[in-house]
Amino acid sequence: MRKILITNDDGIDAHGIKDLARAALKYGDVWVIAPDGQRSAASHSITLRESMYVYEDKDFGVEGVKAFKTTASPADCVRFGIRNFVKDVDVVFSGINNGYNIGSDIQYSATVGAAMEAATSKIRAIAFSQSFDGDGYQEVTDKYLDQIIGELIDAPLEDNQIWNVNFPNVRLSDFKGILRDRSVARNSFYIDSYKEEKLEDGGLKLTVWGDRNELTSEGTDFKALLDGYISIGRVNNLR
């Protein structure tokens, strides 16, 4: 029986990680170790100068899953998860993230960062993401998640490489299919700017704001999603 470790960056109460844990039960014994709150855009950060605290989450709500919440980062969850909690992990799942992880945004993603941490320890890893835009359609994710897990859980990867899966924000009636071997787009899904607000004490308050970008290249993860496809691709670490 496979040993499957699952984490995310949206926090242990996010619906995406619960959906992923339920689907993973078909493929092995499942442990969830996830942050106790939001850790988006934490990339591959780890905790070095502070202690981390871990508690069993008895309210996770997915029967058959051993779940723990922690003050740590997603990459931390993988690091101590495979060393202290689940020995001989076969595969790490990260997600399902609330928001795409494509293009240049991948470098900031803690969903991808956690999967990369598994890859550095020579453990297979898959990052899963879906859109948070529009009407929050999950029809494609709900229908195809099991199929994608089954396809990728034993699919070949090179050293320091992960699978990156993104589900489109479309109804099933508008879904076009699955595109594999997508390359990572060289641009971002959002074009960022910073709103400025002058403070009475002379300081400046900055708040990031992103305008959606819909210009990208053929054959990429970004283009696949814009056209209504599931995007599957390999992403390299340490290269």
Protein backbone atom coordinates (compact mmCIF):
# COMPACT_ATOMS: atom_id res chain seq x y z
CA MET A 1 0.00 0.00 0.00
CA ARG A 2 1.36 3.41 -0.97
CA LYS A 3 2.05 6.05 1.67
CA ILE A 4 0.73 9.42 0.52
CA LEU A 5 1.56 12.71 2.25
CA ILE A 6 -0.60 15.73 1.43
CA THR A 7 -0.02 19.40 2.19
CA ASN A 8 -1.13 22.78 0.81
CA ASP A 9 -0.61 26.52 1.21
CA ASP A 10 -4.23 27.60 1.74
CA GLY A 11 -4.39 26.01 5.19
CA ILE A 12 -5.82 22.79 6.55
CA ASP A 13 -9.40 24.12 6.54
CA ALA A 14 -9.39 24.82 2.79
CA HIS A 15 -11.84 22.73 0.79
CA GLY A 16 -9.21 21.85 -1.83
CA ILE A 17 -7.05 19.80 0.51
CA LYS A 18 -10.08 17.89 1.77
CA ASP A 19 -11.13 17.09 -1.81
CA LEU A 20 -7.62 15.88 -2.57
CA ALA A 21 -7.43 13.75 0.59
CA ARG A 22 -10.74 12.04 -0.22
CA ALA A 23 -9.58 11.26 -3.75
CA ALA A 24 -6.18 10.02 -2.54
CA LEU A 25 -7.67 7.38 -0.23
CA LYS A 26 -8.30 5.18 -3.25
CA TYR A 27 -4.55 5.05 -3.91
CA GLY A 28 -3.04 4.41 -0.48
CA ASP A 29 -2.75 5.37 3.17
CA VAL A 30 -3.12 9.13 3.51
CA TRP A 31 -1.54 11.58 5.93
CA VAL A 32 -2.29 15.31 5.84
CA ILE A 33 0.17 17.76 7.36
CA ALA A 34 -0.79 21.32 6.50
CA PRO A 35 -0.42 24.88 7.78
CA ASP A 36 -2.94 26.18 10.30
CA GLY A 37 -3.67 29.16 8.07
CA GLN A 38 -2.93 30.87 4.78
CA ARG A 39 0.65 30.56 3.46
CA SER A 40 0.20 31.52 -0.20
CA ALA A 41 3.25 32.89 -2.04
CA ALA A 42 5.62 31.47 0.60
CA SER A 43 7.47 29.69 -2.22
CA HIS A 44 10.00 27.12 -0.94
CA SER A 45 10.60 28.86 2.40
CA ILE A 46 11.45 26.83 5.50
CA THR A 47 11.60 27.66 9.20
CA LEU A 48 15.10 27.80 10.70
CA ARG A 49 15.18 30.10 13.73
CA GLU A 50 11.83 29.38 15.35
CA SER A 51 10.21 26.23 16.67
CA MET A 52 7.25 24.76 14.82
CA TYR A 53 4.17 23.41 16.57
CA VAL A 54 2.10 20.49 15.31
CA TYR A 55 -1.28 19.30 16.56
CA GLU A 56 -3.57 16.51 15.46
CA ASP A 57 -6.62 17.89 13.66
CA LYS A 58 -9.50 15.77 14.88
CA ASP A 59 -11.98 17.92 12.96
CA PHE A 60 -10.45 17.47 9.49
CA GLY A 61 -13.57 15.65 8.43
CA VAL A 62 -12.26 13.01 6.01
CA GLU A 63 -12.62 9.53 7.48
CA GLY A 64 -9.54 7.37 7.20
CA VAL A 65 -7.10 10.27 6.91
CA LYS A 66 -4.57 11.08 9.64
CA ALA A 67 -4.48 14.89 9.74
CA PHE A 68 -2.21 17.38 11.51
CA LYS A 69 -2.10 21.18 11.50
CA THR A 70 1.03 23.21 12.10
CA THR A 71 2.48 26.69 12.41
CA ALA A 72 5.02 25.76 9.73
CA SER A 73 5.32 26.49 6.01
CA PRO A 74 4.20 24.01 3.33
CA ALA A 75 7.81 23.06 2.55
CA ASP A 76 8.37 22.52 6.30
CA CYS A 77 5.38 20.17 6.32
CA VAL A 78 7.08 17.98 3.74
CA ARG A 79 10.50 18.19 5.42
CA PHE A 80 9.47 17.07 8.88
CA GLY A 81 6.57 15.02 7.53
CA ILE A 82 8.89 12.58 5.78
CA ARG A 83 11.43 12.60 8.62
CA ASN A 84 9.27 12.50 11.74
CA PHE A 85 5.73 11.45 10.83
CA VAL A 86 5.55 9.21 7.77
CA LYS A 87 8.63 7.15 7.02
CA ASP A 88 9.09 5.81 3.47
CA VAL A 89 6.60 8.16 1.80
CA ASP A 90 5.89 7.08 -1.78
CA VAL A 91 4.34 10.26 -3.14
CA VAL A 92 3.54 13.82 -2.01
CA PHE A 93 0.44 15.66 -3.21
CA SER A 94 0.22 19.43 -2.78
CA GLY A 95 -3.05 21.34 -3.14
CA ILE A 96 -5.63 21.58 -4.47
CA ASN A 97 -4.59 25.22 -4.56
CA ASN A 98 -7.17 28.00 -4.72
CA GLY A 99 -5.71 29.73 -7.77
CA TYR A 100 -3.67 28.68 -10.80
CA ASN A 101 0.02 27.89 -10.49
CA ILE A 102 1.29 28.54 -14.00
CA GLY A 103 3.89 30.57 -15.83
CA SER A 104 6.22 32.80 -13.87
CA ASP A 105 3.83 32.70 -10.89
CA ILE A 106 5.21 29.21 -10.16
CA GLN A 107 8.34 30.73 -8.60
CA TYR A 108 6.24 32.23 -5.78
CA SER A 109 3.90 29.30 -5.23
CA ALA A 110 4.13 27.47 -1.90
CA THR A 111 1.98 24.73 -3.44
CA VAL A 112 4.71 24.09 -5.97
CA GLY A 113 7.40 24.81 -3.36
CA ALA A 114 6.13 21.97 -1.16
CA ALA A 115 6.14 19.58 -4.13
CA MET A 116 9.68 20.71 -4.98
CA GLU A 117 10.75 19.92 -1.41
CA ALA A 118 9.60 16.36 -1.95
CA ALA A 119 11.54 16.21 -5.22
CA THR A 120 14.76 17.29 -3.49
CA SER A 121 14.30 14.27 -1.20
CA LYS A 122 13.81 12.03 -4.25
CA ILE A 123 10.10 11.54 -3.54
CA ARG A 124 7.55 11.74 -6.37
CA ALA A 125 5.31 14.80 -6.14
CA ILE A 126 2.28 16.29 -7.86
CA ALA A 127 1.03 19.87 -7.43
CA PHE A 128 -2.68 20.46 -8.07
CA SER A 129 -4.33 23.85 -8.62
CA GLN A 130 -7.61 25.31 -9.82
CA SER A 131 -9.00 28.79 -10.45
CA PHE A 132 -10.57 31.01 -7.84
CA ASP A 133 -11.93 33.44 -10.46
CA GLY A 134 -15.35 33.80 -11.98
CA ASP A 135 -18.13 31.66 -10.58
CA GLY A 136 -15.72 29.22 -8.93
CA TYR A 137 -16.58 26.32 -11.22
CA GLN A 138 -15.28 23.00 -9.92
CA GLU A 139 -17.09 20.71 -12.29
CA VAL A 140 -13.96 19.76 -14.24
CA THR A 141 -11.90 19.21 -11.07
CA ASP A 142 -14.61 17.05 -9.52
CA LYS A 143 -14.96 14.88 -12.62
CA TYR A 144 -11.30 14.47 -13.60
CA LEU A 145 -9.30 14.58 -10.35
CA ASP A 146 -9.39 10.81 -9.86
CA GLN A 147 -8.39 10.15 -13.47
CA ILE A 148 -5.44 12.54 -13.25
CA ILE A 149 -4.21 11.02 -9.98
CA GLY A 150 -4.38 7.54 -11.50
CA GLU A 151 -2.51 8.69 -14.60
CA LEU A 152 0.32 10.49 -12.80
CA ILE A 153 0.87 8.72 -9.50
CA ASP A 154 3.35 6.27 -11.07
CA ALA A 155 4.21 8.18 -14.25
CA PRO A 156 7.96 8.64 -14.88
CA LEU A 157 9.75 11.76 -13.66
CA GLU A 158 13.39 12.75 -13.82
CA ASP A 159 15.36 13.71 -10.71
CA ASN A 160 14.26 17.02 -9.17
CA GLN A 161 11.13 17.16 -11.31
CA ILE A 162 7.44 17.33 -10.36
CA TRP A 163 4.09 17.08 -12.10
CA ASN A 164 2.11 20.32 -12.19
CA VAL A 165 -1.65 20.05 -12.81
CA ASN A 166 -4.08 22.94 -13.28
CA PHE A 167 -7.84 22.61 -13.74
CA PRO A 168 -9.66 25.28 -15.82
CA ASN A 169 -12.44 27.55 -14.65
CA VAL A 170 -15.12 26.29 -17.07
CA ARG A 171 -18.33 24.31 -16.96
CA LEU A 172 -18.15 20.71 -18.14
CA SER A 173 -20.16 21.73 -21.19
CA ASP A 174 -17.33 24.10 -22.20
CA PHE A 175 -14.44 21.82 -21.22
CA LYS A 176 -12.14 21.00 -24.16
CA GLY A 177 -10.05 18.11 -22.79
CA ILE A 178 -6.63 17.40 -21.29
CA LEU A 179 -3.37 18.79 -22.69
CA ARG A 180 -0.21 17.04 -21.51
CA ASP A 181 3.45 18.01 -21.72
CA ARG A 182 2.64 21.69 -21.42
CA SER A 183 5.64 23.97 -21.05
CA VAL A 184 5.78 26.67 -18.37
CA ALA A 185 4.72 30.03 -19.81
CA ARG A 186 7.30 32.79 -19.54
CA ASN A 187 4.77 35.34 -18.40
CA SER A 188 2.39 35.65 -15.46
CA PHE A 189 -1.38 35.22 -15.12
CA TYR A 190 -1.49 38.61 -13.39
CA ILE A 191 0.33 41.87 -14.08
CA ASP A 192 1.10 43.27 -10.65
CA SER A 193 1.11 46.85 -9.44
CA TYR A 194 1.14 48.38 -5.97
CA LYS A 195 -1.45 50.77 -4.62
CA GLU A 196 0.07 53.49 -2.49
CA GLU A 197 -1.44 55.20 0.54
CA LYS A 198 0.44 57.88 2.43
CA LEU A 199 0.28 57.52 6.20
CA GLU A 200 0.06 60.31 8.78
CA ASP A 201 3.36 59.25 10.32
CA GLY A 202 5.18 59.80 7.03
CA GLY A 203 5.21 56.15 6.00
CA LEU A 204 3.71 54.55 2.94
CA LYS A 205 1.20 51.70 2.82
CA LEU A 206 1.63 49.44 -0.21
CA THR A 207 -0.95 46.87 -1.33
CA VAL A 208 -0.36 44.54 -4.27
CA TRP A 209 -2.96 44.55 -7.03
CA GLY A 210 -3.06 42.27 -10.04
CA ASP A 211 -4.69 42.86 -13.42
CA ARG A 212 -5.47 39.67 -15.30
CA ASN A 213 -3.30 38.92 -18.31
CA GLU A 214 -4.63 36.87 -21.22
CA LEU A 215 -1.69 37.02 -23.62
CA THR A 216 0.61 34.02 -23.72
CA SER A 217 2.25 31.49 -26.05
CA GLU A 218 0.89 28.33 -27.66
CA GLY A 219 1.88 25.06 -26.03
CA THR A 220 2.05 26.50 -22.53
CA ASP A 221 0.22 25.78 -19.29
CA PHE A 222 -1.24 29.29 -19.38
CA LYS A 223 -2.65 28.92 -22.91
CA ALA A 224 -4.19 25.54 -22.10
CA LEU A 225 -6.23 27.02 -19.26
CA LEU A 226 -7.31 30.06 -21.23
CA ASP A 227 -8.66 27.70 -23.90
CA GLY A 228 -10.59 25.52 -21.42
CA TYR A 229 -8.23 22.54 -21.06
CA ILE A 230 -6.68 20.80 -18.08
CA SER A 231 -2.95 21.52 -18.17
CA ILE A 232 -0.42 18.85 -17.19
CA GLY A 233 3.31 19.46 -17.33
CA ARG A 234 6.62 18.70 -15.70
CA VAL A 235 8.43 21.42 -13.77
CA ASN A 236 12.14 21.20 -13.00
CA ASN A 237 13.75 22.10 -9.68
CA LEU A 238 17.40 23.09 -9.13
CA ARG A 239 18.04 23.60 -12.85
